[in-house]
Amino acid sequence: MKIFYLGIACRDARWSTMRNTILSVYQPSHLASLVPTMQTYIDSATQNLHEEEEITFSNLSLKLVTDVTGQAAFGVDFGLSGPQTLVTDDSVRNVDENNEVSDFINQHMNATTQLRMDL
């Protein structure tokens, strides 16, 4: 089966447009423009961290990455890394369970956790 037929890969003007769009996301100037967004989420996530308190860093970093990606790619604040969610590291759901955003977050967190376990 040709993947060109399915529109998954192409070499025409469409390919050029898609490639240029994707490449622009990885330009150093664009990545540098995301630093303030990342810093905002880091500051928010660390508000409730205490010196003697143990945390699971992989959970914290997963929440940070998900929040930064949600904001940078979709313009949505998932709210996973804020102070209210750091109280319980096992909890990754702080939005309504019937919400599309919640479904996306849950699927993303499950997929990422599975990938991390496979590594």
N, C-alpha and C. Protein backbone atom coordinates (compact mmCIF):
# COMPACT_ATOMS: atom_id res chain seq x y z
N MET A 1 0.85 -1.17 0.00
CA MET A 1 0.00 0.00 0.00
C MET A 1 0.89 1.24 0.00
N LYS A 2 0.61 2.14 -0.89
CA LYS A 2 1.40 3.36 -0.96
C LYS A 2 0.94 4.34 0.11
N ILE A 3 1.89 4.82 0.88
CA ILE A 3 1.52 5.81 1.89
C ILE A 3 1.28 7.17 1.25
N PHE A 4 1.77 7.35 0.03
CA PHE A 4 1.51 8.61 -0.67
C PHE A 4 0.02 8.77 -0.95
N TYR A 5 -0.63 7.66 -1.24
CA TYR A 5 -2.06 7.66 -1.52
C TYR A 5 -2.85 8.12 -0.30
N LEU A 6 -2.39 7.75 0.87
CA LEU A 6 -3.10 8.10 2.10
C LEU A 6 -2.83 9.53 2.55
N GLY A 7 -1.92 10.20 1.90
CA GLY A 7 -1.60 11.57 2.28
C GLY A 7 -0.68 11.66 3.47
N ILE A 8 -0.08 10.54 3.85
CA ILE A 8 0.83 10.55 5.00
C ILE A 8 2.18 11.14 4.61
N ALA A 9 2.63 10.82 3.43
CA ALA A 9 3.89 11.37 2.93
C ALA A 9 3.63 11.98 1.57
N CYS A 10 4.29 13.07 1.28
CA CYS A 10 4.11 13.71 -0.02
C CYS A 10 5.37 14.49 -0.36
N ARG A 11 5.57 14.75 -1.63
CA ARG A 11 6.76 15.46 -2.08
C ARG A 11 6.41 16.67 -2.94
N ASP A 12 5.20 17.10 -2.92
CA ASP A 12 4.79 18.21 -3.76
C ASP A 12 4.76 19.51 -2.94
N ALA A 13 3.97 20.46 -3.38
CA ALA A 13 3.87 21.73 -2.68
C ALA A 13 3.34 21.54 -1.26
N ARG A 14 2.47 20.55 -1.10
CA ARG A 14 1.93 20.28 0.24
C ARG A 14 3.05 19.88 1.19
N TRP A 15 3.95 19.03 0.73
CA TRP A 15 5.09 18.60 1.53
C TRP A 15 5.93 19.81 1.93
N SER A 16 6.21 20.66 0.98
CA SER A 16 7.04 21.84 1.24
C SER A 16 6.40 22.73 2.30
N THR A 17 5.10 22.93 2.20
CA THR A 17 4.38 23.75 3.18
C THR A 17 4.42 23.11 4.56
N MET A 18 4.15 21.81 4.62
CA MET A 18 4.17 21.10 5.90
C MET A 18 5.57 21.13 6.51
N ARG A 19 6.58 20.88 5.70
CA ARG A 19 7.96 20.87 6.19
C ARG A 19 8.34 22.23 6.75
N ASN A 20 8.04 23.29 6.02
CA ASN A 20 8.38 24.64 6.48
C ASN A 20 7.65 25.00 7.77
N THR A 21 6.42 24.56 7.91
CA THR A 21 5.67 24.82 9.14
C THR A 21 6.31 24.11 10.32
N ILE A 22 6.65 22.85 10.12
CA ILE A 22 7.24 22.06 11.20
C ILE A 22 8.63 22.58 11.56
N LEU A 23 9.44 22.89 10.55
CA LEU A 23 10.80 23.37 10.81
C LEU A 23 10.81 24.68 11.58
N SER A 24 9.83 25.55 11.31
CA SER A 24 9.81 26.84 12.00
C SER A 24 9.61 26.68 13.50
N VAL A 25 8.96 25.61 13.91
CA VAL A 25 8.72 25.36 15.33
C VAL A 25 10.03 25.07 16.06
N TYR A 26 11.00 24.50 15.37
CA TYR A 26 12.26 24.11 16.00
C TYR A 26 13.37 25.13 15.82
N GLN A 27 13.07 26.29 15.29
CA GLN A 27 14.08 27.32 15.14
C GLN A 27 14.47 27.85 16.52
N PRO A 28 15.76 28.13 16.71
CA PRO A 28 16.21 28.63 18.03
C PRO A 28 15.45 29.85 18.51
N SER A 29 15.10 30.75 17.61
CA SER A 29 14.37 31.95 18.04
C SER A 29 12.99 31.60 18.58
N HIS A 30 12.33 30.64 17.95
CA HIS A 30 11.01 30.22 18.45
C HIS A 30 11.14 29.50 19.79
N LEU A 31 12.11 28.61 19.89
CA LEU A 31 12.32 27.90 21.15
C LEU A 31 12.67 28.87 22.27
N ALA A 32 13.49 29.87 21.97
CA ALA A 32 13.85 30.87 22.98
C ALA A 32 12.63 31.66 23.43
N SER A 33 11.68 31.87 22.53
CA SER A 33 10.47 32.61 22.90
C SER A 33 9.59 31.83 23.87
N LEU A 34 9.82 30.53 23.99
CA LEU A 34 9.04 29.70 24.91
C LEU A 34 9.59 29.70 26.33
N VAL A 35 10.79 30.24 26.52
CA VAL A 35 11.41 30.24 27.85
C VAL A 35 10.53 30.93 28.90
N PRO A 36 9.95 32.10 28.62
CA PRO A 36 9.08 32.70 29.64
C PRO A 36 7.88 31.82 30.00
N THR A 37 7.32 31.13 29.03
CA THR A 37 6.21 30.21 29.31
C THR A 37 6.67 29.09 30.22
N MET A 38 7.83 28.51 29.88
CA MET A 38 8.38 27.43 30.70
C MET A 38 8.65 27.92 32.12
N GLN A 39 9.23 29.11 32.24
CA GLN A 39 9.57 29.65 33.55
C GLN A 39 8.32 29.88 34.39
N THR A 40 7.24 30.33 33.77
CA THR A 40 5.98 30.54 34.48
C THR A 40 5.48 29.23 35.09
N TYR A 41 5.53 28.16 34.32
CA TYR A 41 5.07 26.87 34.83
C TYR A 41 6.02 26.31 35.89
N ILE A 42 7.30 26.52 35.72
CA ILE A 42 8.27 26.06 36.73
C ILE A 42 8.03 26.80 38.04
N ASP A 43 7.86 28.12 37.96
CA ASP A 43 7.60 28.90 39.17
C ASP A 43 6.32 28.43 39.87
N SER A 44 5.28 28.20 39.09
CA SER A 44 4.01 27.74 39.65
C SER A 44 4.15 26.37 40.30
N ALA A 45 4.87 25.48 39.64
CA ALA A 45 5.03 24.11 40.15
C ALA A 45 5.85 24.06 41.43
N THR A 46 6.77 24.97 41.58
CA THR A 46 7.66 24.93 42.75
C THR A 46 7.12 25.71 43.95
N GLN A 47 5.98 26.33 43.83
CA GLN A 47 5.44 27.11 44.94
C GLN A 47 5.19 26.28 46.19
N ASN A 48 4.75 25.06 46.03
CA ASN A 48 4.43 24.23 47.19
C ASN A 48 5.49 23.20 47.52
N LEU A 49 6.66 23.29 46.90
CA LEU A 49 7.74 22.36 47.23
C LEU A 49 8.40 22.81 48.53
N HIS A 50 8.62 21.86 49.42
CA HIS A 50 9.26 22.17 50.69
C HIS A 50 10.61 21.48 50.74
N GLU A 51 11.54 22.05 51.48
CA GLU A 51 12.92 21.54 51.51
C GLU A 51 13.01 20.07 51.90
N GLU A 52 12.31 19.66 52.89
CA GLU A 52 12.43 18.29 53.40
C GLU A 52 11.45 17.31 52.76
N GLU A 53 10.63 17.80 51.86
CA GLU A 53 9.61 16.95 51.24
C GLU A 53 10.19 16.20 50.04
N GLU A 54 9.91 14.91 49.99
CA GLU A 54 10.33 14.12 48.84
C GLU A 54 9.27 14.21 47.75
N ILE A 55 9.73 14.29 46.52
CA ILE A 55 8.82 14.28 45.38
C ILE A 55 9.30 13.24 44.38
N THR A 56 8.40 12.80 43.55
CA THR A 56 8.77 11.92 42.45
C THR A 56 9.04 12.83 41.26
N PHE A 57 10.32 12.98 40.92
CA PHE A 57 10.70 13.94 39.90
C PHE A 57 10.10 13.60 38.54
N SER A 58 9.99 12.33 38.22
CA SER A 58 9.43 11.95 36.91
C SER A 58 7.98 12.42 36.79
N ASN A 59 7.22 12.37 37.88
CA ASN A 59 5.84 12.86 37.85
C ASN A 59 5.80 14.37 37.67
N LEU A 60 6.65 15.06 38.41
CA LEU A 60 6.70 16.52 38.31
C LEU A 60 7.11 16.94 36.90
N SER A 61 8.15 16.31 36.36
CA SER A 61 8.62 16.71 35.03
C SER A 61 7.59 16.37 33.95
N LEU A 62 6.88 15.26 34.10
CA LEU A 62 5.84 14.90 33.13
C LEU A 62 4.72 15.95 33.15
N LYS A 63 4.34 16.39 34.33
CA LYS A 63 3.31 17.42 34.44
C LYS A 63 3.78 18.73 33.82
N LEU A 64 5.04 19.10 34.08
CA LEU A 64 5.58 20.33 33.51
C LEU A 64 5.61 20.27 31.98
N VAL A 65 6.10 19.17 31.45
CA VAL A 65 6.17 19.02 29.99
C VAL A 65 4.78 19.07 29.37
N THR A 66 3.82 18.41 30.00
CA THR A 66 2.46 18.40 29.48
C THR A 66 1.86 19.80 29.50
N ASP A 67 2.06 20.53 30.59
CA ASP A 67 1.54 21.90 30.67
C ASP A 67 2.19 22.83 29.66
N VAL A 68 3.51 22.77 29.55
CA VAL A 68 4.21 23.64 28.60
C VAL A 68 3.80 23.30 27.17
N THR A 69 3.70 22.02 26.85
CA THR A 69 3.28 21.61 25.51
C THR A 69 1.85 22.06 25.23
N GLY A 70 0.97 21.89 26.20
CA GLY A 70 -0.42 22.32 26.03
C GLY A 70 -0.51 23.80 25.74
N GLN A 71 0.26 24.60 26.47
CA GLN A 71 0.23 26.05 26.27
C GLN A 71 0.88 26.44 24.96
N ALA A 72 2.06 25.88 24.67
CA ALA A 72 2.80 26.26 23.47
C ALA A 72 2.13 25.77 22.19
N ALA A 73 1.64 24.55 22.20
CA ALA A 73 1.09 23.97 20.98
C ALA A 73 -0.40 24.23 20.78
N PHE A 74 -1.15 24.27 21.88
CA PHE A 74 -2.61 24.36 21.76
C PHE A 74 -3.20 25.61 22.40
N GLY A 75 -2.40 26.37 23.14
CA GLY A 75 -2.92 27.55 23.82
C GLY A 75 -3.84 27.20 24.98
N VAL A 76 -3.63 26.01 25.56
CA VAL A 76 -4.49 25.54 26.65
C VAL A 76 -3.65 25.31 27.90
N ASP A 77 -4.12 25.82 29.02
CA ASP A 77 -3.45 25.58 30.30
C ASP A 77 -4.11 24.37 30.95
N PHE A 78 -3.42 23.24 30.94
CA PHE A 78 -3.98 22.02 31.51
C PHE A 78 -3.99 22.06 33.04
N GLY A 79 -3.15 22.87 33.64
CA GLY A 79 -3.15 23.03 35.08
C GLY A 79 -2.63 21.84 35.87
N LEU A 80 -1.78 21.03 35.27
CA LEU A 80 -1.27 19.84 35.97
C LEU A 80 -0.14 20.16 36.93
N SER A 81 0.67 21.15 36.60
CA SER A 81 1.87 21.38 37.41
C SER A 81 1.69 22.47 38.45
N GLY A 82 0.50 23.01 38.56
CA GLY A 82 0.26 24.05 39.56
C GLY A 82 0.32 23.50 40.96
N PRO A 83 0.38 24.38 41.94
CA PRO A 83 0.51 23.95 43.34
C PRO A 83 -0.58 23.00 43.81
N GLN A 84 -1.79 23.14 43.31
CA GLN A 84 -2.88 22.30 43.77
C GLN A 84 -2.69 20.85 43.38
N THR A 85 -1.93 20.55 42.32
CA THR A 85 -1.76 19.16 41.91
C THR A 85 -0.51 18.52 42.47
N LEU A 86 0.38 19.31 43.06
CA LEU A 86 1.61 18.75 43.61
C LEU A 86 1.40 18.12 44.98
N VAL A 87 0.27 18.39 45.59
CA VAL A 87 0.00 17.82 46.91
C VAL A 87 -0.04 16.31 46.83
N THR A 88 -0.64 15.78 45.77
CA THR A 88 -0.67 14.33 45.57
C THR A 88 -0.06 14.02 44.22
N ASP A 89 1.12 13.44 44.23
CA ASP A 89 1.80 13.13 42.99
C ASP A 89 1.07 12.08 42.17
N ASP A 90 0.27 11.23 42.82
CA ASP A 90 -0.44 10.19 42.09
C ASP A 90 -1.63 10.75 41.31
N SER A 91 -2.06 11.94 41.68
CA SER A 91 -3.21 12.53 41.02
C SER A 91 -2.77 13.37 39.84
N VAL A 92 -3.27 13.04 38.67
CA VAL A 92 -2.98 13.83 37.48
C VAL A 92 -4.26 14.43 36.91
N ARG A 93 -5.35 14.31 37.63
CA ARG A 93 -6.62 14.81 37.13
C ARG A 93 -7.14 15.90 38.06
N ASN A 94 -7.13 17.13 37.58
CA ASN A 94 -7.72 18.20 38.38
C ASN A 94 -8.77 18.96 37.57
N VAL A 95 -9.24 18.32 36.50
CA VAL A 95 -10.31 18.91 35.71
C VAL A 95 -11.45 17.92 35.63
N ASP A 96 -12.60 18.39 35.21
CA ASP A 96 -13.81 17.57 35.15
C ASP A 96 -13.58 16.33 34.28
N GLU A 97 -13.99 15.17 34.77
CA GLU A 97 -13.77 13.90 34.06
C GLU A 97 -14.53 13.82 32.74
N ASN A 98 -15.60 14.57 32.56
CA ASN A 98 -16.39 14.50 31.33
C ASN A 98 -15.92 15.51 30.29
N ASN A 99 -14.84 16.14 30.52
CA ASN A 99 -14.33 17.20 29.67
C ASN A 99 -13.40 16.62 28.60
N GLU A 100 -13.46 17.16 27.37
CA GLU A 100 -12.56 16.70 26.31
C GLU A 100 -11.11 16.94 26.67
N VAL A 101 -10.83 18.06 27.32
CA VAL A 101 -9.46 18.36 27.74
C VAL A 101 -8.99 17.30 28.72
N SER A 102 -9.86 16.93 29.65
CA SER A 102 -9.52 15.91 30.62
C SER A 102 -9.23 14.58 29.94
N ASP A 103 -10.03 14.23 28.95
CA ASP A 103 -9.80 12.98 28.21
C ASP A 103 -8.45 13.01 27.52
N PHE A 104 -8.13 14.14 26.89
CA PHE A 104 -6.84 14.26 26.22
C PHE A 104 -5.69 14.13 27.21
N ILE A 105 -5.82 14.83 28.34
CA ILE A 105 -4.77 14.79 29.36
C ILE A 105 -4.58 13.36 29.87
N ASN A 106 -5.67 12.70 30.18
CA ASN A 106 -5.58 11.33 30.70
C ASN A 106 -4.92 10.40 29.69
N GLN A 107 -5.31 10.50 28.43
CA GLN A 107 -4.70 9.66 27.40
C GLN A 107 -3.22 9.97 27.23
N HIS A 108 -2.89 11.26 27.24
CA HIS A 108 -1.49 11.66 27.10
C HIS A 108 -0.65 11.16 28.28
N MET A 109 -1.16 11.34 29.48
CA MET A 109 -0.41 10.92 30.67
C MET A 109 -0.24 9.40 30.68
N ASN A 110 -1.27 8.67 30.32
CA ASN A 110 -1.16 7.20 30.27
C ASN A 110 -0.15 6.77 29.22
N ALA A 111 -0.22 7.37 28.04
CA ALA A 111 0.72 7.00 26.96
C ALA A 111 2.15 7.34 27.35
N THR A 112 2.35 8.50 27.93
CA THR A 112 3.70 8.92 28.31
C THR A 112 4.24 8.05 29.43
N THR A 113 3.40 7.71 30.38
CA THR A 113 3.82 6.84 31.47
C THR A 113 4.20 5.46 30.94
N GLN A 114 3.40 4.93 30.02
CA GLN A 114 3.72 3.63 29.43
C GLN A 114 5.03 3.68 28.66
N LEU A 115 5.26 4.76 27.92
CA LEU A 115 6.50 4.91 27.18
C LEU A 115 7.68 4.96 28.14
N ARG A 116 7.53 5.70 29.22
CA ARG A 116 8.60 5.82 30.21
C ARG A 116 8.91 4.45 30.82
N MET A 117 7.89 3.65 31.07
CA MET A 117 8.10 2.32 31.66
C MET A 117 8.79 1.38 30.66
N ASP A 118 8.51 1.56 29.36
CA ASP A 118 9.13 0.73 28.34
C ASP A 118 10.61 1.04 28.16
N LEU A 119 11.01 2.23 28.51
CA LEU A 119 12.42 2.60 28.36
C LEU A 119 13.20 2.01 29.50
